[in-house]
């Protein structure tokens, strides 16, 4: 059971971790070539381990499907409410849609046609 002292200790540990994040990143960068060498040497075993992890990830994803679907519906309803609010406030449908799109974080758009548009735009500006 977590009491106030335990929670404070965990908070302090997390604060130390954040303060020392650069050293952790440096350590991971230093270990990356070693990890690559080990995985290359034991590739068949690494493939077996990764397959097990992927199967478990797929199992979890399948179990989470109802919640994921519900979350998607909730996000869509929220986006529609925002769109409707903008439109009722006097923006045209096109402007309201542009405002909804502008509120989406770039990470939400990765892997979509927006990547191609962003890459096309940035390459045309060079």
Protein backbone atom coordinates (compact mmCIF):
# COMPACT_ATOMS: atom_id res chain seq x y z
CA UNK A 1 0.00 0.00 0.00
CA UNK A 2 1.25 3.45 -0.84
CA UNK A 3 1.21 6.01 1.90
CA UNK A 4 2.17 9.66 1.70
CA UNK A 5 5.86 8.97 2.47
CA UNK A 6 6.08 6.25 -0.19
CA UNK A 7 4.45 8.50 -2.76
CA UNK A 8 6.85 11.33 -1.92
CA UNK A 9 9.80 8.95 -2.25
CA UNK A 10 8.56 7.85 -5.68
CA UNK A 11 8.10 11.47 -6.72
CA UNK A 12 11.66 12.27 -5.64
CA UNK A 13 12.98 9.26 -7.57
CA UNK A 14 11.10 10.41 -10.68
CA UNK A 15 12.44 13.94 -10.25
CA UNK A 16 15.99 12.56 -10.05
CA UNK A 17 15.35 10.49 -13.16
CA UNK A 18 14.16 13.57 -15.05
CA UNK A 19 17.11 15.66 -13.81
CA UNK A 20 19.53 12.99 -15.00
CA UNK A 21 17.74 12.20 -18.26
CA UNK A 22 20.69 13.37 -20.36
CA UNK A 23 23.01 10.87 -18.72
CA UNK A 24 20.46 8.10 -19.28
CA UNK A 25 20.16 9.02 -22.95
CA UNK A 26 23.95 9.01 -23.25
CA UNK A 27 24.09 5.57 -21.63
CA UNK A 28 21.45 4.20 -24.01
CA UNK A 29 23.34 5.65 -26.98
CA UNK A 30 26.53 4.00 -25.72
CA UNK A 31 24.79 0.64 -25.29
CA UNK A 32 23.05 0.71 -28.66
CA UNK A 33 26.03 -0.70 -30.64
CA UNK A 34 26.44 -3.47 -28.05
CA UNK A 35 22.74 -4.30 -28.20
CA UNK A 36 22.91 -4.36 -32.00
CA UNK A 37 25.90 -6.71 -31.91
CA UNK A 38 24.18 -9.07 -29.45
CA UNK A 39 20.94 -9.11 -31.45
CA UNK A 40 22.86 -9.75 -34.68
CA UNK A 41 24.76 -12.62 -33.05
CA UNK A 42 21.62 -14.16 -31.55
CA UNK A 43 19.18 -13.09 -34.24
CA UNK A 44 17.07 -16.30 -34.27
CA UNK A 45 16.59 -16.05 -30.50
CA UNK A 46 15.89 -12.32 -30.76
CA UNK A 47 13.26 -13.01 -33.42
CA UNK A 48 11.59 -15.58 -31.15
CA UNK A 49 11.54 -13.14 -28.23
CA UNK A 50 10.20 -10.29 -30.36
CA UNK A 51 7.49 -12.56 -31.81
CA UNK A 52 6.36 -13.48 -28.29
CA UNK A 53 6.27 -9.79 -27.32
CA UNK A 54 4.33 -8.90 -30.48
CA UNK A 55 1.83 -11.72 -29.85
CA UNK A 56 1.28 -10.42 -26.33
CA UNK A 57 0.91 -6.88 -27.65
CA UNK A 58 -1.67 -8.11 -30.17
CA UNK A 59 -3.52 -9.99 -27.40
CA UNK A 60 -3.64 -6.84 -25.29
CA UNK A 61 -4.72 -4.76 -28.27
CA UNK A 62 -7.51 -7.20 -29.06
CA UNK A 63 -8.66 -7.16 -25.42
CA UNK A 64 -8.62 -3.36 -25.48
CA UNK A 65 -10.65 -3.14 -28.71
CA UNK A 66 -13.99 -2.22 -27.04
CA UNK A 67 -12.35 0.53 -25.00
CA UNK A 68 -10.35 1.72 -28.01
CA UNK A 69 -13.48 1.89 -30.13
CA UNK A 70 -15.30 3.82 -27.42
CA UNK A 71 -12.39 6.25 -27.11
CA UNK A 72 -12.40 6.80 -30.88
CA UNK A 73 -16.12 7.58 -30.80
CA UNK A 74 -15.60 10.00 -27.89
CA UNK A 75 -12.78 11.77 -29.74
CA UNK A 76 -14.91 12.02 -32.89
CA UNK A 77 -17.85 13.41 -30.92
CA UNK A 78 -15.57 15.99 -29.31
CA UNK A 79 -14.16 17.02 -32.69
CA UNK A 80 -17.69 17.34 -34.07
CA UNK A 81 -18.78 19.44 -31.08
CA UNK A 82 -15.80 21.73 -31.68
CA UNK A 83 -16.62 21.94 -35.39
CA UNK A 84 -20.27 22.71 -34.62
CA UNK A 85 -19.30 25.36 -32.07
CA UNK A 86 -17.00 27.08 -34.55
CA UNK A 87 -19.66 26.94 -37.27
CA UNK A 88 -22.39 28.28 -34.94
CA UNK A 89 -20.01 31.07 -33.91
CA UNK A 90 -19.98 32.38 -37.46
CA UNK A 91 -17.12 30.54 -39.13
CA UNK A 92 -17.80 28.99 -42.50
CA UNK A 93 -17.82 25.18 -42.64
CA UNK A 94 -14.43 25.26 -44.31
CA UNK A 95 -13.00 27.60 -41.65
CA UNK A 96 -14.52 25.54 -38.84
CA UNK A 97 -12.98 22.37 -40.27
CA UNK A 98 -9.61 24.10 -40.62
CA UNK A 99 -9.78 25.14 -36.95
CA UNK A 100 -10.53 21.55 -35.91
CA UNK A 101 -7.60 20.31 -37.99
CA UNK A 102 -5.35 22.97 -36.49
CA UNK A 103 -6.16 21.70 -33.00
CA UNK A 104 -4.80 18.23 -33.78
CA UNK A 105 -1.30 17.68 -32.43
CA UNK A 106 1.32 16.71 -35.04
CA UNK A 107 1.90 13.35 -33.31
CA UNK A 108 -1.76 12.52 -33.97
CA UNK A 109 -1.13 13.00 -37.66
CA UNK A 110 2.01 10.90 -38.07
CA UNK A 111 1.64 8.12 -40.58
CA UNK A 112 -1.11 9.94 -42.44
CA UNK A 113 -1.37 11.89 -45.64
CA UNK A 114 -0.40 14.92 -43.54
CA UNK A 115 3.17 13.56 -43.40
CA UNK A 116 3.36 13.66 -47.18
CA UNK A 117 1.92 17.16 -47.27
CA UNK A 118 4.32 18.36 -44.57
CA UNK A 119 7.31 16.75 -46.34
CA UNK A 120 6.23 18.20 -49.66
CA UNK A 121 5.84 21.66 -48.15
CA UNK A 122 9.19 21.57 -46.33
CA UNK A 123 11.07 20.30 -49.39
CA UNK A 124 9.53 22.99 -51.60
CA UNK A 125 10.77 25.70 -49.20
CA UNK A 126 14.42 24.62 -49.49
